[in-house]
C-alpha atoms as a PDB file:
ATOM      1  CA  UNK A   1      97.256  64.678   5.398  1.00  0.00           C
ATOM      2  CA  UNK A   2      98.314  66.348   2.162  1.00  0.00           C
ATOM      3  CA  UNK A   3      97.783  64.573  -1.161  1.00  0.00           C
ATOM      4  CA  UNK A   4     100.957  64.321  -3.237  1.00  0.00           C
ATOM      5  CA  UNK A   5     101.339  64.044  -6.990  1.00  0.00           C
ATOM      6  CA  UNK A   6     102.846  60.557  -6.633  1.00  0.00           C
ATOM      7  CA  UNK A   7      99.780  59.372  -4.656  1.00  0.00           C
ATOM      8  CA  UNK A   8      97.496  60.639  -7.399  1.00  0.00           C
ATOM      9  CA  UNK A   9      99.664  58.950 -10.041  1.00  0.00           C
ATOM     10  CA  UNK A  10      99.636  55.604  -8.208  1.00  0.00           C
ATOM     11  CA  UNK A  11      95.869  55.701  -7.750  1.00  0.00           C
ATOM     12  CA  UNK A  12      95.359  56.606 -11.382  1.00  0.00           C
ATOM     13  CA  UNK A  13      97.574  53.707 -12.520  1.00  0.00           C
ATOM     14  CA  UNK A  14      95.591  51.255 -10.399  1.00  0.00           C
ATOM     15  CA  UNK A  15      92.096  52.482 -11.295  1.00  0.00           C
ATOM     16  CA  UNK A  16      92.528  54.250 -14.688  1.00  0.00           C
ATOM     17  CA  UNK A  17      90.261  56.980 -13.316  1.00  0.00           C
ATOM     18  CA  UNK A  18      90.784  60.648 -14.194  1.00  0.00           C
ATOM     19  CA  UNK A  19      93.481  62.643 -12.419  1.00  0.00           C
ATOM     20  CA  UNK A  20      91.049  65.070 -10.789  1.00  0.00           C
ATOM     21  CA  UNK A  21      88.828  62.193  -9.658  1.00  0.00           C
ATOM     22  CA  UNK A  22      91.849  60.462  -8.112  1.00  0.00           C
ATOM     23  CA  UNK A  23      92.850  63.640  -6.276  1.00  0.00           C
ATOM     24  CA  UNK A  24      89.295  64.094  -4.998  1.00  0.00           C
ATOM     25  CA  UNK A  25      89.129  60.460  -3.864  1.00  0.00           C
ATOM     26  CA  UNK A  26      92.353  60.764  -1.887  1.00  0.00           C
ATOM     27  CA  UNK A  27      91.161  64.000  -0.276  1.00  0.00           C
ATOM     28  CA  UNK A  28      87.819  62.429   0.675  1.00  0.00           C
ATOM     29  CA  UNK A  29      89.573  59.403   2.196  1.00  0.00           C
ATOM     30  CA  UNK A  30      92.270  61.422   4.016  1.00  0.00           C
ATOM     31  CA  UNK A  31      94.981  59.778   1.934  1.00  0.00           C
ATOM     32  CA  UNK A  32      93.876  56.175   2.604  1.00  0.00           C
ATOM     33  CA  UNK A  33      94.730  54.449  -0.702  1.00  0.00           C
ATOM     34  CA  UNK A  34      92.294  51.508  -0.413  1.00  0.00           C
ATOM     35  CA  UNK A  35      89.496  53.773   0.776  1.00  0.00           C
ATOM     36  CA  UNK A  36      90.181  56.009  -2.238  1.00  0.00           C
ATOM     37  CA  UNK A  37      89.924  52.976  -4.549  1.00  0.00           C
ATOM     38  CA  UNK A  38      86.580  52.123  -2.944  1.00  0.00           C
ATOM     39  CA  UNK A  39      85.409  55.728  -3.295  1.00  0.00           C
ATOM     40  CA  UNK A  40      86.225  55.664  -7.012  1.00  0.00           C
ATOM     41  CA  UNK A  41      84.550  52.294  -7.416  1.00  0.00           C
ATOM     42  CA  UNK A  42      81.351  53.595  -5.883  1.00  0.00           C
ATOM     43  CA  UNK A  43      81.524  56.673  -8.082  1.00  0.00           C
ATOM     44  CA  UNK A  44      82.182  54.468 -11.114  1.00  0.00           C
ATOM     45  CA  UNK A  45      79.326  52.139 -10.369  1.00  0.00           C
ATOM     46  CA  UNK A  46      76.985  55.070 -10.034  1.00  0.00           C
ATOM     47  CA  UNK A  47      77.978  56.462 -13.431  1.00  0.00           C
ATOM     48  CA  UNK A  48      77.809  52.967 -14.970  1.00  0.00           C
ATOM     49  CA  UNK A  49      74.226  52.545 -13.835  1.00  0.00           C
ATOM     50  CA  UNK A  50      73.219  55.695 -15.719  1.00  0.00           C
ATOM     51  CA  UNK A  51      74.610  54.196 -18.923  1.00  0.00           C
ATOM     52  CA  UNK A  52      73.065  50.742 -18.532  1.00  0.00           C
ATOM     53  CA  UNK A  53      69.924  51.474 -20.548  1.00  0.00           C
ATOM     54  CA  UNK A  54      71.717  52.918 -23.568  1.00  0.00           C
ATOM     55  CA  UNK A  55      71.609  50.986 -26.816  1.00  0.00           C
ATOM     56  CA  UNK A  56      74.599  48.687 -27.347  1.00  0.00           C
ATOM     57  CA  UNK A  57      74.612  47.074 -30.789  1.00  0.00           C
ATOM     58  CA  UNK A  58      78.260  47.487 -31.790  1.00  0.00           C
ATOM     59  CA  UNK A  59      81.180  45.693 -30.148  1.00  0.00           C
ATOM     60  CA  UNK A  60      82.840  42.450 -31.172  1.00  0.00           C
ATOM     61  CA  UNK A  61      82.620  38.686 -31.330  1.00  0.00           C
ATOM     62  CA  UNK A  62      85.649  36.982 -29.748  1.00  0.00           C
ATOM     63  CA  UNK A  63      86.742  33.371 -29.496  1.00  0.00           C
ATOM     64  CA  UNK A  64      88.915  31.242 -27.264  1.00  0.00           C
ATOM     65  CA  UNK A  65      90.248  27.824 -28.278  1.00  0.00           C
ATOM     66  CA  UNK A  66      92.212  25.431 -26.093  1.00  0.00           C
ATOM     67  CA  UNK A  67      94.053  22.677 -27.946  1.00  0.00           C
ATOM     68  CA  UNK A  68      91.283  22.022 -30.435  1.00  0.00           C
ATOM     69  CA  UNK A  69      89.219  20.419 -27.667  1.00  0.00           C
ATOM     70  CA  UNK A  70      87.454  23.354 -26.029  1.00  0.00           C
ATOM     71  CA  UNK A  71      86.252  26.491 -27.778  1.00  0.00           C
ATOM     72  CA  UNK A  72      84.171  29.526 -26.875  1.00  0.00           C
ATOM     73  CA  UNK A  73      82.390  32.143 -28.944  1.00  0.00           C
ATOM     74  CA  UNK A  74      81.319  35.303 -27.086  1.00  0.00           C
ATOM     75  CA  UNK A  75      79.558  38.467 -28.247  1.00  0.00           C
ATOM     76  CA  UNK A  76      80.209  41.626 -26.236  1.00  0.00           C
ATOM     77  CA  UNK A  77      78.288  44.722 -27.298  1.00  0.00           C
ATOM     78  CA  UNK A  78      79.189  48.390 -26.951  1.00  0.00           C
ATOM     79  CA  UNK A  79      77.440  51.555 -28.054  1.00  0.00           C
ATOM     80  CA  UNK A  80      79.938  52.564 -30.729  1.00  0.00           C
ATOM     81  CA  UNK A  81      82.346  50.905 -33.119  1.00  0.00           C
ATOM     82  CA  UNK A  82      85.054  53.240 -31.820  1.00  0.00           C
ATOM     83  CA  UNK A  83      84.975  51.672 -28.350  1.00  0.00           C
ATOM     84  CA  UNK A  84      85.088  48.183 -29.887  1.00  0.00           C
ATOM     85  CA  UNK A  85      88.571  49.064 -31.157  1.00  0.00           C
ATOM     86  CA  UNK A  86      89.742  50.110 -27.688  1.00  0.00           C
ATOM     87  CA  UNK A  87      92.549  47.894 -26.333  1.00  0.00           C
ATOM     88  CA  UNK A  88      90.962  47.670 -22.884  1.00  0.00           C
ATOM     89  CA  UNK A  89      87.631  46.580 -24.395  1.00  0.00           C
ATOM     90  CA  UNK A  90      89.414  43.946 -26.488  1.00  0.00           C
ATOM     91  CA  UNK A  91      91.409  42.553 -23.557  1.00  0.00           C
ATOM     92  CA  UNK A  92      88.347  42.557 -21.296  1.00  0.00           C
ATOM     93  CA  UNK A  93      86.344  40.603 -23.889  1.00  0.00           C
ATOM     94  CA  UNK A  94      89.197  38.149 -24.498  1.00  0.00           C
ATOM     95  CA  UNK A  95      89.606  37.548 -20.750  1.00  0.00           C
ATOM     96  CA  UNK A  96      85.911  36.746 -20.438  1.00  0.00           C
ATOM     97  CA  UNK A  97      86.038  34.303 -23.346  1.00  0.00           C
ATOM     98  CA  UNK A  98      89.035  32.558 -21.785  1.00  0.00           C
ATOM     99  CA  UNK A  99      87.255  32.415 -18.431  1.00  0.00           C
ATOM    100  CA  UNK A 100      84.233  30.730 -20.018  1.00  0.00           C
ATOM    101  CA  UNK A 101      86.526  28.231 -21.734  1.00  0.00           C
ATOM    102  CA  UNK A 102      88.555  27.329 -18.665  1.00  0.00           C
ATOM    103  CA  UNK A 103      86.141  27.540 -15.733  1.00  0.00           C
ATOM    104  CA  UNK A 104      84.207  24.643 -14.242  1.00  0.00           C
ATOM    105  CA  UNK A 105      81.331  24.386 -14.086  1.00  0.00           C
ATOM    106  CA  UNK A 106      80.669  26.156 -17.376  1.00  0.00           C
ATOM    107  CA  UNK A 107      78.239  29.038 -16.753  1.00  0.00           C
ATOM    108  CA  UNK A 108      74.766  28.077 -17.918  1.00  0.00           C
ATOM    109  CA  UNK A 109      73.934  31.547 -19.247  1.00  0.00           C
ATOM    110  CA  UNK A 110      74.897  35.220 -19.033  1.00  0.00           C
ATOM    111  CA  UNK A 111      73.350  35.653 -15.587  1.00  0.00           C
ATOM    112  CA  UNK A 112      75.369  32.719 -14.265  1.00  0.00           C
ATOM    113  CA  UNK A 113      78.519  34.162 -15.890  1.00  0.00           C
ATOM    114  CA  UNK A 114      77.979  37.526 -14.208  1.00  0.00           C
ATOM    115  CA  UNK A 115      77.810  35.776 -10.840  1.00  0.00           C
ATOM    116  CA  UNK A 116      81.153  34.039 -11.309  1.00  0.00           C
ATOM    117  CA  UNK A 117      84.507  35.461 -10.210  1.00  0.00           C
ATOM    118  CA  UNK A 118      87.399  36.517 -12.457  1.00  0.00           C
ATOM    119  CA  UNK A 119      90.730  37.665 -10.993  1.00  0.00           C
ATOM    120  CA  UNK A 120      89.207  37.836  -7.523  1.00  0.00           C
ATOM    121  CA  UNK A 121      86.283  40.034  -8.537  1.00  0.00           C
ATOM    122  CA  UNK A 122      82.677  39.219  -9.383  1.00  0.00           C
ATOM    123  CA  UNK A 123      82.244  39.572 -13.152  1.00  0.00           C
ATOM    124  CA  UNK A 124      79.129  41.691 -12.675  1.00  0.00           C
ATOM    125  CA  UNK A 125      81.287  44.217 -10.780  1.00  0.00           C
ATOM    126  CA  UNK A 126      84.084  43.993 -13.372  1.00  0.00           C
ATOM    127  CA  UNK A 127      81.553  44.769 -16.089  1.00  0.00           C
ATOM    128  CA  UNK A 128      80.211  47.805 -14.264  1.00  0.00           C
ATOM    129  CA  UNK A 129      83.758  49.040 -13.653  1.00  0.00           C
ATOM    130  CA  UNK A 130      84.495  48.599 -17.370  1.00  0.00           C
ATOM    131  CA  UNK A 131      81.376  50.637 -18.233  1.00  0.00           C
ATOM    132  CA  UNK A 132      82.536  53.406 -15.901  1.00  0.00           C
ATOM    133  CA  UNK A 133      86.065  53.368 -17.310  1.00  0.00           C
ATOM    134  CA  UNK A 134      85.091  53.352 -20.985  1.00  0.00           C
ATOM    135  CA  UNK A 135      82.097  55.672 -20.633  1.00  0.00           C
ATOM    136  CA  UNK A 136      79.721  53.555 -22.697  1.00  0.00           C
ATOM    137  CA  UNK A 137      77.217  50.837 -21.968  1.00  0.00           C
ATOM    138  CA  UNK A 138      78.677  47.341 -22.401  1.00  0.00           C
ATOM    139  CA  UNK A 139      76.501  44.250 -22.671  1.00  0.00           C
ATOM    140  CA  UNK A 140      77.554  40.606 -22.496  1.00  0.00           C
ATOM    141  CA  UNK A 141      75.014  39.358 -25.000  1.00  0.00           C
ATOM    142  CA  UNK A 142      75.568  35.641 -25.622  1.00  0.00           C
ATOM    143  CA  UNK A 143      78.139  32.866 -25.652  1.00  0.00           C
ATOM    144  CA  UNK A 144      78.522  29.216 -26.550  1.00  0.00           C
ATOM    145  CA  UNK A 145      81.124  26.685 -25.442  1.00  0.00           C
ATOM    146  CA  UNK A 146      82.013  23.479 -27.294  1.00  0.00           C
ATOM    147  CA  UNK A 147      83.838  20.648 -25.541  1.00  0.00           C
ATOM    148  CA  UNK A 148      84.848  18.291 -28.322  1.00  0.00           C
ATOM    149  CA  UNK A 149      85.895  14.645 -28.361  1.00  0.00           C
ATOM    150  CA  UNK A 150      87.143  15.267 -31.911  1.00  0.00           C
ATOM    151  CA  UNK A 151      88.376  18.696 -33.007  1.00  0.00           C
ATOM    152  CA  UNK A 152      86.948  22.198 -32.744  1.00  0.00           C
ATOM    153  CA  UNK A 153      88.085  25.267 -34.680  1.00  0.00           C
ATOM    154  CA  UNK A 154      87.165  28.965 -34.622  1.00  0.00           C
ATOM    155  CA  UNK A 155      87.262  31.837 -37.082  1.00  0.00           C
ATOM    156  CA  UNK A 156      86.728  35.553 -36.469  1.00  0.00           C
ATOM    157  CA  UNK A 157      86.009  37.759 -39.473  1.00  0.00           C
ATOM    158  CA  UNK A 158      86.263  41.504 -39.916  1.00  0.00           C
ATOM    159  CA  UNK A 159      87.655  42.573 -36.530  1.00  0.00           C
ATOM    160  CA  UNK A 160      84.956  40.680 -34.688  1.00  0.00           C
ATOM    161  CA  UNK A 161      81.973  41.315 -36.949  1.00  0.00           C
ATOM    162  CA  UNK A 162      81.339  37.571 -37.460  1.00  0.00           C
ATOM    163  CA  UNK A 163      82.482  34.595 -35.411  1.00  0.00           C
ATOM    164  CA  UNK A 164      82.166  30.874 -36.164  1.00  0.00           C
ATOM    165  CA  UNK A 165      82.849  27.629 -34.304  1.00  0.00           C
ATOM    166  CA  UNK A 166      82.924  24.272 -36.101  1.00  0.00           C
ATOM    167  CA  UNK A 167      83.263  20.890 -34.388  1.00  0.00           C
ATOM    168  CA  UNK A 168      84.450  17.834 -36.313  1.00  0.00           C
ATOM    169  CA  UNK A 169      83.929  14.216 -35.383  1.00  0.00           C
ATOM    170  CA  UNK A 170      87.424  12.801 -35.940  1.00  0.00           C
ATOM    171  CA  UNK A 171      89.918  10.416 -34.368  1.00  0.00           C
ATOM    172  CA  UNK A 172      92.916  12.514 -35.351  1.00  0.00           C
ATOM    173  CA  UNK A 173      93.225  16.249 -35.643  1.00  0.00           C
ATOM    174  CA  UNK A 174      95.725  16.156 -38.520  1.00  0.00           C
ATOM    175  CA  UNK A 175      96.482  18.926 -40.997  1.00  0.00           C
ATOM    176  CA  UNK A 176      93.682  17.773 -43.296  1.00  0.00           C
ATOM    177  CA  UNK A 177      91.130  18.053 -40.476  1.00  0.00           C
ATOM    178  CA  UNK A 178      92.465  21.470 -39.462  1.00  0.00           C
ATOM    179  CA  UNK A 179      92.396  22.746 -43.042  1.00  0.00           C
ATOM    180  CA  UNK A 180      88.896  21.392 -43.568  1.00  0.00           C
ATOM    181  CA  UNK A 181      87.626  22.864 -40.292  1.00  0.00           C
ATOM    182  CA  UNK A 182      89.072  26.275 -41.162  1.00  0.00           C
ATOM    183  CA  UNK A 183      87.555  26.170 -44.657  1.00  0.00           C
ATOM    184  CA  UNK A 184      84.155  25.243 -43.223  1.00  0.00           C
ATOM    185  CA  UNK A 185      84.415  28.154 -40.784  1.00  0.00           C
ATOM    186  CA  UNK A 186      85.120  30.501 -43.702  1.00  0.00           C
ATOM    187  CA  UNK A 187      82.184  29.014 -45.608  1.00  0.00           C
ATOM    188  CA  UNK A 188      79.777  29.391 -42.677  1.00  0.00           C
ATOM    189  CA  UNK A 189      80.895  32.981 -42.132  1.00  0.00           C
ATOM    190  CA  UNK A 190      80.264  33.829 -45.795  1.00  0.00           C
ATOM    191  CA  UNK A 191      77.145  31.755 -46.553  1.00  0.00           C
ATOM    192  CA  UNK A 192      75.289  31.718 -43.206  1.00  0.00           C
ATOM    193  CA  UNK A 193      73.596  28.314 -43.557  1.00  0.00           C
ATOM    194  CA  UNK A 194      70.373  27.894 -41.571  1.00  0.00           C
ATOM    195  CA  UNK A 195      71.160  24.310 -40.465  1.00  0.00           C
ATOM    196  CA  UNK A 196      73.709  21.537 -40.827  1.00  0.00           C
ATOM    197  CA  UNK A 197      71.495  19.278 -42.953  1.00  0.00           C
ATOM    198  CA  UNK A 198      67.984  19.186 -44.377  1.00  0.00           C
ATOM    199  CA  UNK A 199      66.796  17.012 -41.500  1.00  0.00           C
ATOM    200  CA  UNK A 200      67.939  19.673 -39.052  1.00  0.00           C
ATOM    201  CA  UNK A 201      65.842  22.490 -40.564  1.00  0.00           C
ATOM    202  CA  UNK A 202      62.921  23.282 -38.214  1.00  0.00           C
ATOM    203  CA  UNK A 203      59.551  22.240 -39.652  1.00  0.00           C
ATOM    204  CA  UNK A 204      58.140  25.709 -39.043  1.00  0.00           C
ATOM    205  CA  UNK A 205      60.873  27.248 -41.233  1.00  0.00           C
ATOM    206  CA  UNK A 206      59.985  24.935 -44.129  1.00  0.00           C
ATOM    207  CA  UNK A 207      56.241  25.581 -43.628  1.00  0.00           C
ATOM    208  CA  UNK A 208      56.763  29.341 -43.649  1.00  0.00           C
ATOM    209  CA  UNK A 209      58.871  29.173 -46.799  1.00  0.00           C
ATOM    210  CA  UNK A 210      56.199  27.055 -48.523  1.00  0.00           C
ATOM    211  CA  UNK A 211      53.573  29.615 -47.581  1.00  0.00           C
ATOM    212  CA  UNK A 212      55.645  32.439 -49.040  1.00  0.00           C
ATOM    213  CA  UNK A 213      56.412  30.520 -52.247  1.00  0.00           C
ATOM    214  CA  UNK A 214      52.771  29.533 -52.720  1.00  0.00           C
ATOM    215  CA  UNK A 215      51.622  33.145 -52.412  1.00  0.00           C
ATOM    216  CA  UNK A 216      54.391  34.298 -54.741  1.00  0.00           C
ATOM    217  CA  UNK A 217      53.466  31.771 -57.423  1.00  0.00           C
ATOM    218  CA  UNK A 218      49.793  32.653 -57.220  1.00  0.00           C
ATOM    219  CA  UNK A 219      50.680  36.323 -57.531  1.00  0.00           C
ATOM    220  CA  UNK A 220      52.714  35.496 -60.644  1.00  0.00           C
ATOM    221  CA  UNK A 221      49.642  33.892 -62.231  1.00  0.00           C
ATOM    222  CA  UNK A 222      50.703  30.243 -62.025  1.00  0.00           C
ATOM    223  CA  UNK A 223      47.876  27.736 -62.408  1.00  0.00           C
ATOM    224  CA  UNK A 224      46.473  26.756 -58.981  1.00  0.00           C
ATOM    225  CA  UNK A 225      46.564  23.035 -59.844  1.00  0.00           C
ATOM    226  CA  UNK A 226      50.305  23.303 -60.565  1.00  0.00           C
ATOM    227  CA  UNK A 227      51.243  25.291 -57.468  1.00  0.00           C
ATOM    228  CA  UNK A 228      51.916  22.312 -55.201  1.00  0.00           C
ATOM    229  CA  UNK A 229      54.336  20.695 -57.631  1.00  0.00           C
ATOM    230  CA  UNK A 230      56.102  23.982 -58.348  1.00  0.00           C
ATOM    231  CA  UNK A 231      56.489  24.789 -54.660  1.00  0.00           C
ATOM    232  CA  UNK A 232      57.918  21.345 -53.866  1.00  0.00           C
ATOM    233  CA  UNK A 233      60.633  21.886 -56.464  1.00  0.00           C
ATOM    234  CA  UNK A 234      61.368  25.341 -55.098  1.00  0.00           C
ATOM    235  CA  UNK A 235      61.564  24.006 -51.541  1.00  0.00           C
ATOM    236  CA  UNK A 236      64.150  21.423 -52.604  1.00  0.00           C
ATOM    237  CA  UNK A 237      66.171  24.247 -54.165  1.00  0.00           C
ATOM    238  CA  UNK A 238      65.746  26.388 -51.046  1.00  0.00           C
ATOM    239  CA  UNK A 239      67.045  23.616 -48.792  1.00  0.00           C
ATOM    240  CA  UNK A 240      69.972  22.843 -51.078  1.00  0.00           C
ATOM    241  CA  UNK A 241      70.985  26.490 -51.011  1.00  0.00           C
ATOM    242  CA  UNK A 242      70.379  26.944 -47.283  1.00  0.00           C
ATOM    243  CA  UNK A 243      71.818  23.949 -45.401  1.00  0.00           C
ATOM    244  CA  UNK A 244      75.534  23.601 -44.849  1.00  0.00           C
ATOM    245  CA  UNK A 245      76.216  20.124 -46.248  1.00  0.00           C
ATOM    246  CA  UNK A 246      74.237  20.783 -49.447  1.00  0.00           C
ATOM    247  CA  UNK A 247      75.564  24.264 -50.194  1.00  0.00           C
ATOM    248  CA  UNK A 248      78.036  24.892 -52.996  1.00  0.00           C
ATOM    249  CA  UNK A 249      81.428  25.166 -51.306  1.00  0.00           C
ATOM    250  CA  UNK A 250      82.406  28.828 -51.192  1.00  0.00           C
ATOM    251  CA  UNK A 251      86.025  28.191 -52.297  1.00  0.00           C
ATOM    252  CA  UNK A 252      84.983  25.821 -55.109  1.00  0.00           C
ATOM    253  CA  UNK A 253      81.328  26.238 -56.159  1.00  0.00           C
ATOM    254  CA  UNK A 254      81.587  23.197 -58.448  1.00  0.00           C
ATOM    255  CA  UNK A 255      81.314  20.883 -55.436  1.00  0.00           C
ATOM    256  CA  UNK A 256      79.125  20.780 -52.337  1.00  0.00           C
ATOM    257  CA  UNK A 257      80.447  21.076 -48.803  1.00  0.00           C
ATOM    258  CA  UNK A 258      79.664  17.400 -48.193  1.00  0.00           C
ATOM    259  CA  UNK A 259      81.754  16.474 -51.259  1.00  0.00           C
ATOM    260  CA  UNK A 260      84.687  18.514 -49.992  1.00  0.00           C
ATOM    261  CA  UNK A 261      84.330  16.813 -46.604  1.00  0.00           C
ATOM    262  CA  UNK A 262      84.506  13.369 -48.235  1.00  0.00           C
ATOM    263  CA  UNK A 263      87.523  14.464 -50.284  1.00  0.00           C
ATOM    264  CA  UNK A 264      89.449  15.702 -47.237  1.00  0.00           C
ATOM    265  CA  UNK A 265      88.488  12.684 -45.142  1.00  0.00           C
ATOM    266  CA  UNK A 266      89.821  10.405 -47.877  1.00  0.00           C
ATOM    267  CA  UNK A 267      93.127  12.299 -47.940  1.00  0.00           C
ATOM    268  CA  UNK A 268      93.353  11.973 -44.186  1.00  0.00           C
ATOM    269  CA  UNK A 269      92.329   8.334 -44.078  1.00  0.00           C
ATOM    270  CA  UNK A 270      89.875   9.257 -41.334  1.00  0.00           C
ATOM    271  CA  UNK A 271      86.098   9.147 -41.619  1.00  0.00           C
ATOM    272  CA  UNK A 272      85.344  12.509 -40.054  1.00  0.00           C
ATOM    273  CA  UNK A 273      82.217  14.620 -40.297  1.00  0.00           C
ATOM    274  CA  UNK A 274      80.824  17.979 -39.198  1.00  0.00           C
ATOM    275  CA  UNK A 275      79.128  17.440 -35.848  1.00  0.00           C
ATOM    276  CA  UNK A 276      77.873  20.992 -35.257  1.00  0.00           C
ATOM    277  CA  UNK A 277      78.588  24.647 -35.887  1.00  0.00           C
ATOM    278  CA  UNK A 278      77.522  28.039 -34.611  1.00  0.00           C
ATOM    279  CA  UNK A 279      77.709  31.466 -36.221  1.00  0.00           C
ATOM    280  CA  UNK A 280      77.452  34.808 -34.389  1.00  0.00           C
ATOM    281  CA  UNK A 281      77.009  37.983 -36.413  1.00  0.00           C
ATOM    282  CA  UNK A 282      77.597  41.122 -34.381  1.00  0.00           C
ATOM    283  CA  UNK A 283      74.356  42.845 -33.425  1.00  0.00           C
ATOM    284  CA  UNK A 284      72.076  40.541 -35.437  1.00  0.00           C
ATOM    285  CA  UNK A 285      68.509  40.986 -34.254  1.00  0.00           C
ATOM    286  CA  UNK A 286      69.329  44.187 -32.387  1.00  0.00           C
ATOM    287  CA  UNK A 287      68.079  47.633 -33.286  1.00  0.00           C
ATOM    288  CA  UNK A 288      70.900  49.621 -34.837  1.00  0.00           C
ATOM    289  CA  UNK A 289      71.583  53.190 -33.915  1.00  0.00           C
ATOM    290  CA  UNK A 290      70.413  55.534 -36.684  1.00  0.00           C
ATOM    291  CA  UNK A 291      71.164  59.163 -35.988  1.00  0.00           C
ATOM    292  CA  UNK A 292      70.157  62.036 -38.240  1.00  0.00           C
ATOM    293  CA  UNK A 293      73.256  64.236 -38.281  1.00  0.00           C
ATOM    294  CA  UNK A 294      71.332  67.505 -38.654  1.00  0.00           C
ATOM    295  CA  UNK A 295      69.013  66.583 -35.768  1.00  0.00           C
ATOM    296  CA  UNK A 296      71.997  65.568 -33.643  1.00  0.00           C
ATOM    297  CA  UNK A 297      73.740  68.903 -34.186  1.00  0.00           C
ATOM    298  CA  UNK A 298      70.508  70.766 -33.465  1.00  0.00           C
ATOM    299  CA  UNK A 299      70.041  68.834 -30.231  1.00  0.00           C
ATOM    300  CA  UNK A 300      73.583  69.550 -29.107  1.00  0.00           C
ATOM    301  CA  UNK A 301      73.353  73.281 -29.826  1.00  0.00           C
ATOM    302  CA  UNK A 302      69.897  73.774 -28.268  1.00  0.00           C
ATOM    303  CA  UNK A 303      70.125  76.296 -25.480  1.00  0.00           C
ATOM    304  CA  UNK A 304      73.543  77.622 -26.526  1.00  0.00           C
END
């Protein structure tokens, strides 16, 4: 049968594939619409596989919060910052975050998430289709979900460059708790504390810092017999500057975060506290793409 312009248009609207690809799919399937969709899917999956090993260190961190009781933070990586601004990429990432926040059981990890179903389709397949549609590798890197008895709040900074979740232990999520939770999110985003309190700092982190400080003081010519005492004082300063409750509050450096918490709890009449927090910074720990522009141009013009 002949392929009409309206058939091509309908297939393109459903699949977002290119016009010529849609025409070819309909010709290959003798005008069978569903067979043409399947043909495009197979073609898309094949092209997605070729992109799967390309570096993805851009993208965005997204959040989903349901009534202050459930919250999700998800990092989705792409190859370029340009794609991270794409509306389809944004909606795809937001849909995944919502799925994590509303599905039961909660996926244990990324592999478990990929094996779940969203809108009638396995997420692993949806991801590969998204890769084919966008033309870049996309990686679901990490996520965390908080289910809170008290109150949980999220904050996304810089178009998804940093994301924070903070959970409060509280009996009432009033305006004081919400304001405090938002301020703590802003603080965590800006100051990147290494732990909630001094007790929560891993022993190996403290040991490593002591080792560095000891070597630094020896290099500066400090007396060996004084090193231990000097380092202990420096470690106390390091912890005070590094853990959330002891840090100077970013919006009022004259007080510590724990002092601001006590102040807001008093105003509320509720003895709340920070139970936990998490901070995702886009691409942290990943190798960043670093292209030499001259080399890139040379590579593209080779053979022309």
